[in-house]
C-alpha atoms as a PDB file:
ATOM      1  CA  MET A   1     -96.189 -34.786   3.814  1.00  0.00           C
ATOM      2  CA  ALA A   2     -94.493 -31.509   2.886  1.00  0.00           C
ATOM      3  CA  ALA A   3     -90.939 -31.636   4.348  1.00  0.00           C
ATOM      4  CA  ARG A   4     -89.453 -29.673   7.307  1.00  0.00           C
ATOM      5  CA  GLN A   5     -86.863 -26.919   6.519  1.00  0.00           C
ATOM      6  CA  SER A   6     -84.095 -26.944   8.850  1.00  0.00           C
ATOM      7  CA  SER A   7     -82.936 -23.752  10.360  1.00  0.00           C
ATOM      8  CA  PRO A   8     -78.866 -23.215   9.844  1.00  0.00           C
ATOM      9  CA  VAL A   9     -76.874 -24.083  12.643  1.00  0.00           C
ATOM     10  CA  PRO A  10     -74.257 -20.780  13.442  1.00  0.00           C
ATOM     11  CA  VAL A  11     -70.429 -22.228  12.996  1.00  0.00           C
ATOM     12  CA  ARG A  12     -68.755 -19.744  15.902  1.00  0.00           C
ATOM     13  CA  MET A  13     -64.619 -19.089  14.728  1.00  0.00           C
ATOM     14  CA  PRO A  14     -62.099 -19.371  16.575  1.00  0.00           C
ATOM     15  CA  ALA A  15     -61.343 -16.299  18.351  1.00  0.00           C
ATOM     16  CA  GLY A  16     -58.287 -14.621  16.347  1.00  0.00           C
ATOM     17  CA  ARG A  17     -57.946 -13.168  12.793  1.00  0.00           C
ATOM     18  CA  ARG A  18     -60.541 -14.202  10.040  1.00  0.00           C
ATOM     19  CA  PHE A  19     -59.043 -15.152   6.172  1.00  0.00           C
ATOM     20  CA  SER A  20     -61.261 -15.108   3.282  1.00  0.00           C
ATOM     21  CA  ALA A  21     -60.284 -17.955   1.018  1.00  0.00           C
ATOM     22  CA  PRO A  22     -59.171 -15.035  -1.979  1.00  0.00           C
ATOM     23  CA  ARG A  23     -56.396 -14.065   0.712  1.00  0.00           C
ATOM     24  CA  LEU A  24     -55.583 -17.084   1.381  1.00  0.00           C
ATOM     25  CA  ARG A  25     -54.499 -17.771  -2.199  1.00  0.00           C
ATOM     26  CA  ARG A  26     -53.025 -14.679  -2.713  1.00  0.00           C
ATOM     27  CA  GLY A  27     -50.932 -15.332   0.253  1.00  0.00           C
ATOM     28  CA  HIS A  28     -49.551 -18.790  -1.210  1.00  0.00           C
ATOM     29  CA  ARG A  29     -49.368 -17.404  -4.458  1.00  0.00           C
ATOM     30  CA  ILE A  30     -46.879 -14.850  -2.672  1.00  0.00           C
ATOM     31  CA  ARG A  31     -44.691 -17.655  -1.011  1.00  0.00           C
ATOM     32  CA  TRP A  32     -44.538 -19.434  -3.683  1.00  0.00           C
ATOM     33  CA  LEU A  33     -43.323 -16.806  -5.927  1.00  0.00           C
ATOM     34  CA  LEU A  34     -40.283 -16.139  -3.294  1.00  0.00           C
ATOM     35  CA  LEU A  35     -39.982 -19.669  -3.121  1.00  0.00           C
ATOM     36  CA  SER A  36     -39.243 -19.298  -7.104  1.00  0.00           C
ATOM     37  CA  VAL A  37     -37.134 -16.384  -6.640  1.00  0.00           C
ATOM     38  CA  VAL A  38     -35.209 -17.837  -4.252  1.00  0.00           C
ATOM     39  CA  GLY A  39     -34.734 -21.105  -6.252  1.00  0.00           C
ATOM     40  CA  LEU A  40     -33.637 -19.191  -9.297  1.00  0.00           C
ATOM     41  CA  ALA A  41     -30.963 -16.686  -7.796  1.00  0.00           C
ATOM     42  CA  VAL A  42     -29.330 -20.526  -7.098  1.00  0.00           C
ATOM     43  CA  GLY A  43     -29.979 -21.843 -10.050  1.00  0.00           C
ATOM     44  CA  LEU A  44     -28.098 -18.888 -11.649  1.00  0.00           C
ATOM     45  CA  ALA A  45     -25.303 -18.841  -8.958  1.00  0.00           C
ATOM     46  CA  ALA A  46     -24.620 -22.395  -9.425  1.00  0.00           C
ATOM     47  CA  LEU A  47     -24.772 -22.002 -13.418  1.00  0.00           C
ATOM     48  CA  SER A  48     -22.169 -19.245 -13.470  1.00  0.00           C
ATOM     49  CA  ASP A  49     -20.523 -21.202 -10.479  1.00  0.00           C
ATOM     50  CA  PHE A  50     -20.087 -24.581 -12.120  1.00  0.00           C
ATOM     51  CA  THR A  51     -20.802 -23.563 -16.434  1.00  0.00           C
ATOM     52  CA  GLY A  52     -18.306 -20.114 -16.894  1.00  0.00           C
ATOM     53  CA  VAL A  53     -21.698 -18.241 -18.279  1.00  0.00           C
ATOM     54  CA  ILE A  54     -19.537 -15.074 -16.381  1.00  0.00           C
ATOM     55  CA  ALA A  55     -16.073 -16.559 -16.013  1.00  0.00           C
ATOM     56  CA  LEU A  56     -13.135 -14.257 -15.717  1.00  0.00           C
ATOM     57  CA  HIS A  57     -11.156 -13.536 -19.211  1.00  0.00           C
ATOM     58  CA  ASP A  58      -9.308 -10.678 -18.373  1.00  0.00           C
ATOM     59  CA  ILE A  59      -7.073  -9.205 -15.730  1.00  0.00           C
ATOM     60  CA  THR A  60      -6.440  -5.628 -16.592  1.00  0.00           C
ATOM     61  CA  VAL A  61      -3.267  -3.390 -14.198  1.00  0.00           C
ATOM     62  CA  SER A  62      -2.733   0.301 -14.805  1.00  0.00           C
ATOM     63  CA  GLY A  63      -0.749   2.533 -12.702  1.00  0.00           C
ATOM     64  CA  VAL A  64       2.631   0.054 -12.962  1.00  0.00           C
ATOM     65  CA  THR A  65       5.981   2.001 -14.779  1.00  0.00           C
ATOM     66  CA  ARG A  66       8.379  -0.184 -13.033  1.00  0.00           C
ATOM     67  CA  ILE A  67       6.656  -3.271 -11.067  1.00  0.00           C
ATOM     68  CA  ASP A  68       5.759  -5.891 -13.391  1.00  0.00           C
ATOM     69  CA  GLY A  69       2.038  -5.782 -14.526  1.00  0.00           C
ATOM     70  CA  GLY A  70       1.887  -9.550 -15.238  1.00  0.00           C
ATOM     71  CA  ALA A  71       3.276 -10.342 -11.850  1.00  0.00           C
ATOM     72  CA  VAL A  72       0.427  -7.968 -10.133  1.00  0.00           C
ATOM     73  CA  ALA A  73      -2.497  -9.328 -12.179  1.00  0.00           C
ATOM     74  CA  ALA A  74      -0.952 -12.883 -11.239  1.00  0.00           C
ATOM     75  CA  ARG A  75      -1.490 -12.184  -7.509  1.00  0.00           C
ATOM     76  CA  ALA A  76      -5.018 -10.536  -7.911  1.00  0.00           C
ATOM     77  CA  TYR A  77      -6.086 -14.107  -8.234  1.00  0.00           C
ATOM     78  CA  ASP A  78      -6.139 -14.639  -5.217  1.00  0.00           C
ATOM     79  CA  GLY A  79      -9.329 -12.784  -4.841  1.00  0.00           C
ATOM     80  CA  TYR A  80     -10.684 -15.883  -6.374  1.00  0.00           C
ATOM     81  CA  ARG A  81     -12.802 -18.360  -3.599  1.00  0.00           C
ATOM     82  CA  GLY A  82     -11.752 -22.007  -5.306  1.00  0.00           C
ATOM     83  CA  MET A  83     -14.325 -23.695  -3.351  1.00  0.00           C
ATOM     84  CA  LEU A  84     -17.435 -24.032  -2.684  1.00  0.00           C
ATOM     85  CA  PHE A  85     -17.870 -26.246   0.638  1.00  0.00           C
ATOM     86  CA  GLY A  86     -14.275 -27.077   0.629  1.00  0.00           C
ATOM     87  CA  ARG A  87     -15.548 -29.246  -1.697  1.00  0.00           C
ATOM     88  CA  PHE A  88     -16.725 -28.311  -5.200  1.00  0.00           C
ATOM     89  CA  THR A  89     -13.956 -26.544  -7.589  1.00  0.00           C
ATOM     90  CA  ARG A  90     -15.097 -23.379  -8.859  1.00  0.00           C
ATOM     91  CA  ILE A  91     -14.942 -21.839 -12.092  1.00  0.00           C
ATOM     92  CA  PRO A  92     -13.220 -18.368 -11.687  1.00  0.00           C
ATOM     93  CA  THR A  93     -16.023 -16.111 -12.451  1.00  0.00           C
ATOM     94  CA  LEU A  94     -16.945 -12.640 -11.247  1.00  0.00           C
ATOM     95  CA  ALA A  95     -19.411 -13.810  -8.719  1.00  0.00           C
ATOM     96  CA  ASN A  96     -16.737 -15.723  -6.787  1.00  0.00           C
ATOM     97  CA  PHE A  97     -14.048 -12.990  -6.889  1.00  0.00           C
ATOM     98  CA  SER A  98     -13.089 -10.454  -4.027  1.00  0.00           C
ATOM     99  CA  PRO A  99     -11.727  -7.346  -5.003  1.00  0.00           C
ATOM    100  CA  ALA A 100     -11.264  -7.160  -1.142  1.00  0.00           C
ATOM    101  CA  ARG A 101      -8.724  -9.981  -0.833  1.00  0.00           C
ATOM    102  CA  ALA A 102      -7.151  -9.378  -4.229  1.00  0.00           C
ATOM    103  CA  GLU A 103      -5.909  -5.986  -2.631  1.00  0.00           C
ATOM    104  CA  ALA A 104      -4.594  -7.293   0.780  1.00  0.00           C
ATOM    105  CA  ALA A 105      -2.781 -10.029  -1.806  1.00  0.00           C
ATOM    106  CA  ILE A 106      -1.216  -7.364  -3.830  1.00  0.00           C
ATOM    107  CA  LEU A 107      -0.538  -5.128  -0.885  1.00  0.00           C
ATOM    108  CA  ALA A 108       1.290  -8.232   0.622  1.00  0.00           C
ATOM    109  CA  ALA A 109       3.712  -9.225  -2.511  1.00  0.00           C
ATOM    110  CA  PHE A 110       4.522  -5.995  -3.062  1.00  0.00           C
ATOM    111  CA  PRO A 111       6.111  -3.558  -0.774  1.00  0.00           C
ATOM    112  CA  GLU A 112       6.533  -0.831  -3.893  1.00  0.00           C
ATOM    113  CA  ILE A 113       2.993  -0.580  -3.889  1.00  0.00           C
ATOM    114  CA  SER A 114       1.209   1.921  -1.934  1.00  0.00           C
ATOM    115  CA  GLY A 115      -2.105   1.442  -2.389  1.00  0.00           C
ATOM    116  CA  VAL A 116      -4.314  -1.134  -4.946  1.00  0.00           C
ATOM    117  CA  ARG A 117      -7.777  -0.343  -5.909  1.00  0.00           C
ATOM    118  CA  VAL A 118      -9.754  -3.705  -7.351  1.00  0.00           C
ATOM    119  CA  HIS A 119     -13.010  -3.314  -9.354  1.00  0.00           C
ATOM    120  CA  ARG A 120     -15.061  -6.064 -11.153  1.00  0.00           C
ATOM    121  CA  ARG A 121     -16.138  -5.191 -14.899  1.00  0.00           C
ATOM    122  CA  TRP A 122     -19.462  -7.296 -15.679  1.00  0.00           C
ATOM    123  CA  PRO A 123     -19.588  -9.713 -16.828  1.00  0.00           C
ATOM    124  CA  HIS A 124     -15.807 -11.088 -17.344  1.00  0.00           C
ATOM    125  CA  GLU A 125     -13.395  -8.029 -16.527  1.00  0.00           C
ATOM    126  CA  ILE A 126     -11.246  -7.348 -13.499  1.00  0.00           C
ATOM    127  CA  GLU A 127      -9.267  -4.090 -13.607  1.00  0.00           C
ATOM    128  CA  VAL A 128      -6.441  -3.670 -10.751  1.00  0.00           C
ATOM    129  CA  ALA A 129      -5.577   0.426 -10.488  1.00  0.00           C
ATOM    130  CA  VAL A 130      -1.754   0.778  -8.911  1.00  0.00           C
ATOM    131  CA  THR A 131      -0.172   3.884  -7.082  1.00  0.00           C
ATOM    132  CA  GLU A 132       3.524   3.169  -6.555  1.00  0.00           C
ATOM    133  CA  ARG A 133       5.523   4.531  -4.201  1.00  0.00           C
ATOM    134  CA  GLN A 134       7.930   7.188  -4.801  1.00  0.00           C
ATOM    135  CA  PRO A 135      11.318   6.191  -3.967  1.00  0.00           C
ATOM    136  CA  VAL A 136      13.559   9.284  -2.824  1.00  0.00           C
ATOM    137  CA  GLY A 137      17.258   6.976  -2.326  1.00  0.00           C
ATOM    138  CA  THR A 138      18.671   4.436  -1.724  1.00  0.00           C
ATOM    139  CA  TRP A 139      19.729   2.886   1.481  1.00  0.00           C
ATOM    140  CA  CYS A 140      22.960   0.533   1.004  1.00  0.00           C
ATOM    141  CA  ARG A 141      24.739  -1.940   4.206  1.00  0.00           C
ATOM    142  CA  THR A 142      28.373  -2.906   3.370  1.00  0.00           C
ATOM    143  CA  THR A 143      28.160  -5.776   5.328  1.00  0.00           C
ATOM    144  CA  GLU A 144      25.155  -7.546   3.029  1.00  0.00           C
ATOM    145  CA  GLN A 145      26.303  -9.662  -0.274  1.00  0.00           C
ATOM    146  CA  THR A 146      22.989 -10.779  -0.930  1.00  0.00           C
ATOM    147  CA  ARG A 147      21.375  -7.743  -1.605  1.00  0.00           C
ATOM    148  CA  PRO A 148      23.410  -4.510  -0.990  1.00  0.00           C
ATOM    149  CA  CYS A 149      21.313  -1.442  -2.156  1.00  0.00           C
ATOM    150  CA  TYR A 150      17.734  -1.263  -2.154  1.00  0.00           C
ATOM    151  CA  TYR A 151      15.352   1.814  -2.741  1.00  0.00           C
ATOM    152  CA  PHE A 152      13.437   3.348  -0.117  1.00  0.00           C
ATOM    153  CA  ASP A 153      10.929   6.318   0.441  1.00  0.00           C
ATOM    154  CA  GLY A 154       9.862   9.094   3.019  1.00  0.00           C
ATOM    155  CA  GLU A 155       8.080   6.380   4.845  1.00  0.00           C
ATOM    156  CA  GLY A 156      10.742   4.101   5.496  1.00  0.00           C
ATOM    157  CA  VAL A 157       9.783   1.730   3.392  1.00  0.00           C
ATOM    158  CA  ILE A 158      12.003  -0.429   2.075  1.00  0.00           C
ATOM    159  CA  TRP A 159      12.150  -2.503  -1.397  1.00  0.00           C
ATOM    160  CA  GLY A 160      13.284  -4.566  -4.495  1.00  0.00           C
ATOM    161  CA  THR A 161      17.374  -4.425  -5.220  1.00  0.00           C
ATOM    162  CA  ALA A 162      19.069  -0.958  -6.383  1.00  0.00           C
ATOM    163  CA  VAL A 163      22.719   0.003  -7.644  1.00  0.00           C
ATOM    164  CA  PRO A 164      24.011   2.865  -4.943  1.00  0.00           C
ATOM    165  CA  SER A 165      23.458   6.189  -6.055  1.00  0.00           C
ATOM    166  CA  SER A 166      25.787   8.888  -5.335  1.00  0.00           C
ATOM    167  CA  GLY A 167      24.374  11.550  -7.215  1.00  0.00           C
ATOM    168  CA  THR A 168      21.205  13.839  -6.438  1.00  0.00           C
ATOM    169  CA  ILE A 169      18.148  12.417  -8.029  1.00  0.00           C
ATOM    170  CA  LEU A 170      18.418   9.965  -5.724  1.00  0.00           C
ATOM    171  CA  LEU A 171      19.451  10.108  -2.071  1.00  0.00           C
ATOM    172  CA  GLY A 172      21.995   7.894  -0.878  1.00  0.00           C
ATOM    173  CA  VAL A 173      22.625   6.497   2.074  1.00  0.00           C
ATOM    174  CA  ARG A 174      25.570   4.076   3.094  1.00  0.00           C
ATOM    175  CA  ASP A 175      25.185   2.129   6.415  1.00  0.00           C
ATOM    176  CA  GLU A 176      28.413   0.903   7.617  1.00  0.00           C
ATOM    177  CA  ARG A 177      26.632  -0.754  10.643  1.00  0.00           C
ATOM    178  CA  PRO A 178      26.262  -4.582  10.634  1.00  0.00           C
ATOM    179  CA  GLU A 179      22.759  -4.410  11.875  1.00  0.00           C
ATOM    180  CA  GLY A 180      20.148  -2.335  12.230  1.00  0.00           C
ATOM    181  CA  ASP A 181      16.709  -0.909  10.841  1.00  0.00           C
ATOM    182  CA  ILE A 182      16.398   2.225   9.123  1.00  0.00           C
ATOM    183  CA  GLN A 183      14.970   3.580  12.079  1.00  0.00           C
ATOM    184  CA  LYS A 184      12.476   6.928  11.615  1.00  0.00           C
ATOM    185  CA  GLU A 185      14.258   8.987  13.796  1.00  0.00           C
ATOM    186  CA  LEU A 186      17.246   8.080  11.650  1.00  0.00           C
ATOM    187  CA  LEU A 187      15.425   8.487   8.521  1.00  0.00           C
ATOM    188  CA  GLY A 188      13.844  11.761   9.678  1.00  0.00           C
ATOM    189  CA  ALA A 189      16.855  13.195  10.030  1.00  0.00           C
ATOM    190  CA  ILE A 190      18.544  12.308   7.201  1.00  0.00           C
ATOM    191  CA  LEU A 191      15.371  13.475   5.026  1.00  0.00           C
ATOM    192  CA  ASP A 192      16.228  17.212   6.911  1.00  0.00           C
ATOM    193  CA  ILE A 193      19.676  17.519   6.445  1.00  0.00           C
ATOM    194  CA  ALA A 194      19.103  16.803   2.789  1.00  0.00           C
ATOM    195  CA  GLU A 195      15.772  19.595   2.378  1.00  0.00           C
ATOM    196  CA  MET A 196      17.816  21.948   4.713  1.00  0.00           C
ATOM    197  CA  LEU A 197      21.153  21.568   2.769  1.00  0.00           C
ATOM    198  CA  ARG A 198      19.060  21.766  -1.114  1.00  0.00           C
ATOM    199  CA  GLU A 199      18.033  25.535   0.440  1.00  0.00           C
ATOM    200  CA  LEU A 200      21.551  26.528   0.643  1.00  0.00           C
ATOM    201  CA  ASP A 201      22.128  25.304  -2.637  1.00  0.00           C
ATOM    202  CA  LEU A 202      24.098  22.353  -1.526  1.00  0.00           C
ATOM    203  CA  GLY A 203      23.396  18.899  -3.061  1.00  0.00           C
ATOM    204  CA  VAL A 204      23.811  15.914  -1.274  1.00  0.00           C
ATOM    205  CA  ARG A 205      25.688  13.103  -3.020  1.00  0.00           C
ATOM    206  CA  GLN A 206      26.507  10.188  -0.230  1.00  0.00           C
ATOM    207  CA  VAL A 207      25.369  10.223   4.034  1.00  0.00           C
ATOM    208  CA  LEU A 208      27.212   7.779   6.381  1.00  0.00           C
ATOM    209  CA  VAL A 209      25.960   6.221   8.877  1.00  0.00           C
ATOM    210  CA  GLY A 210      29.033   4.686  10.631  1.00  0.00           C
ATOM    211  CA  ARG A 211      30.366   1.753  12.297  1.00  0.00           C
ATOM    212  CA  GLY A 212      29.828   3.106  15.788  1.00  0.00           C
ATOM    213  CA  PRO A 213      26.879   4.525  18.088  1.00  0.00           C
ATOM    214  CA  LEU A 214      24.418   6.637  16.124  1.00  0.00           C
ATOM    215  CA  SER A 215      25.178   9.777  17.172  1.00  0.00           C
ATOM    216  CA  GLU A 216      26.481  11.149  14.037  1.00  0.00           C
ATOM    217  CA  LEU A 217      26.166  11.550   9.827  1.00  0.00           C
ATOM    218  CA  ARG A 218      28.656  12.261   7.556  1.00  0.00           C
ATOM    219  CA  VAL A 219      27.342  13.819   4.363  1.00  0.00           C
ATOM    220  CA  SER A 220      29.008  14.730   1.603  1.00  0.00           C
ATOM    221  CA  VAL A 221      28.386  17.647  -0.782  1.00  0.00           C
ATOM    222  CA  THR A 222      28.408  18.592  -4.347  1.00  0.00           C
ATOM    223  CA  ALA A 223      30.401  21.902  -3.391  1.00  0.00           C
ATOM    224  CA  GLY A 224      33.357  19.224  -2.527  1.00  0.00           C
ATOM    225  CA  PHE A 225      33.593  18.886   1.101  1.00  0.00           C
ATOM    226  CA  ASP A 226      31.753  17.063   3.802  1.00  0.00           C
ATOM    227  CA  ILE A 227      29.692  17.889   6.547  1.00  0.00           C
ATOM    228  CA  MET A 228      29.514  16.389   9.835  1.00  0.00           C
ATOM    229  CA  TYR A 229      25.833  16.402  12.065  1.00  0.00           C
ATOM    230  CA  SER A 230      25.581  15.511  16.223  1.00  0.00           C
ATOM    231  CA  LEU A 231      22.011  13.319  16.142  1.00  0.00           C
ATOM    232  CA  GLU A 232      22.759  14.257  19.807  1.00  0.00           C
ATOM    233  CA  HIS A 233      21.938  18.458  18.858  1.00  0.00           C
ATOM    234  CA  ASP A 234      19.228  20.302  17.484  1.00  0.00           C
ATOM    235  CA  ILE A 235      19.699  19.374  13.360  1.00  0.00           C
ATOM    236  CA  ARG A 236      17.949  22.720  12.253  1.00  0.00           C
ATOM    237  CA  ALA A 237      20.377  24.131  14.803  1.00  0.00           C
ATOM    238  CA  GLN A 238      23.360  23.474  13.116  1.00  0.00           C
ATOM    239  CA  SER A 239      22.129  24.108   9.604  1.00  0.00           C
ATOM    240  CA  GLY A 240      21.543  27.897  10.672  1.00  0.00           C
ATOM    241  CA  VAL A 241      25.224  27.918  12.106  1.00  0.00           C
ATOM    242  CA  LEU A 242      26.603  26.080   9.069  1.00  0.00           C
ATOM    243  CA  GLU A 243      24.148  28.955   6.332  1.00  0.00           C
ATOM    244  CA  VAL A 244      26.531  32.027   8.844  1.00  0.00           C
ATOM    245  CA  PHE A 245      29.389  30.143   8.399  1.00  0.00           C
ATOM    246  CA  LEU A 246      29.029  29.589   4.250  1.00  0.00           C
ATOM    247  CA  ALA A 247      27.468  33.354   4.087  1.00  0.00           C
ATOM    248  CA  ASP A 248      30.931  34.082   5.433  1.00  0.00           C
ATOM    249  CA  ARG A 249      32.994  32.323   3.542  1.00  0.00           C
ATOM    250  CA  ARG A 250      31.760  32.973   0.566  1.00  0.00           C
ATOM    251  CA  ALA A 251      31.324  37.253   1.258  1.00  0.00           C
ATOM    252  CA  ALA A 252      35.185  36.740   1.751  1.00  0.00           C
ATOM    253  CA  GLY A 253      36.145  34.660  -1.727  1.00  0.00           C
ATOM    254  CA  SER A 254      35.764  30.950  -2.989  1.00  0.00           C
ATOM    255  CA  PHE A 255      35.245  28.857  -0.033  1.00  0.00           C
ATOM    256  CA  THR A 256      36.978  25.071  -0.776  1.00  0.00           C
ATOM    257  CA  ALA A 257      37.679  22.541   2.570  1.00  0.00           C
ATOM    258  CA  GLU A 258      37.533  18.587   3.497  1.00  0.00           C
ATOM    259  CA  TYR A 259      34.908  18.967   5.582  1.00  0.00           C
ATOM    260  CA  VAL A 260      32.989  20.822   8.182  1.00  0.00           C
ATOM    261  CA  ASP A 261      32.630  19.988  11.216  1.00  0.00           C
ATOM    262  CA  LEU A 262      29.259  21.012  13.052  1.00  0.00           C
ATOM    263  CA  ARG A 263      28.792  18.421  15.931  1.00  0.00           C
ATOM    264  CA  VAL A 264      30.009  21.186  18.995  1.00  0.00           C
ATOM    265  CA  PRO A 265      26.679  23.356  19.346  1.00  0.00           C
ATOM    266  CA  GLU A 266      27.327  26.756  17.979  1.00  0.00           C
ATOM    267  CA  LYS A 267      30.616  26.310  17.082  1.00  0.00           C
ATOM    268  CA  VAL A 268      32.096  25.220  13.250  1.00  0.00           C
ATOM    269  CA  PHE A 269      35.475  23.520  12.996  1.00  0.00           C
ATOM    270  CA  TYR A 270      36.663  22.857   9.184  1.00  0.00           C
ATOM    271  CA  LYS A 271      39.488  21.706   6.936  1.00  0.00           C
END
């Protein structure tokens, strides 16, 4: 008896996207490849953190002339993130080193540094480029015993321990006030006076900030006399009056005096 051949029964696929077998296998391969790459990256990170394959060997510091480069390099180590998850100690490597953290630590520790850039040089080196502040003078407090003098720059930043200056290379300020910060207005007036006097060929030897109310300055110049300025009136106008006065005196011959007083507007008193 001949066997009857049954006709194929159609199978309904669920509505939606259909995937062929080759396409499914390709998707599995891509997923496994991505997982392998992630696993390899994690493994390399762990290898570098705990075996020192890219361990930090050298820190080079450039741009320092008055600062100890070794101290800057030591502070740069603050950029190293030493613990993993707060429990595991990691070997210092370039992978777990943060240049931004190192820069912040250096600037906080050294006020005499105005700028710093930290770069990683793979595989084993850190480069630190420093920009030092340039002092424009020394600021001395007669009432301080532990650190009577320090350097300052044009921004009013103070640092270090200085020897009192009485020359023209660095502007010397003697502050007799018992306390008080370097105010920007006061510093600006001192720097303006020094610049205007240089234009008159008068070098500044020292600027005296007195004990009384902060209303005047006494400036010793290389010509051998003092100049008294009022901080309550325009500094430039007082220097203009001084310029006319000195031109008249010099035209009449040599001029010597103990002091020249400019504190009264548009008038000059001298002795």
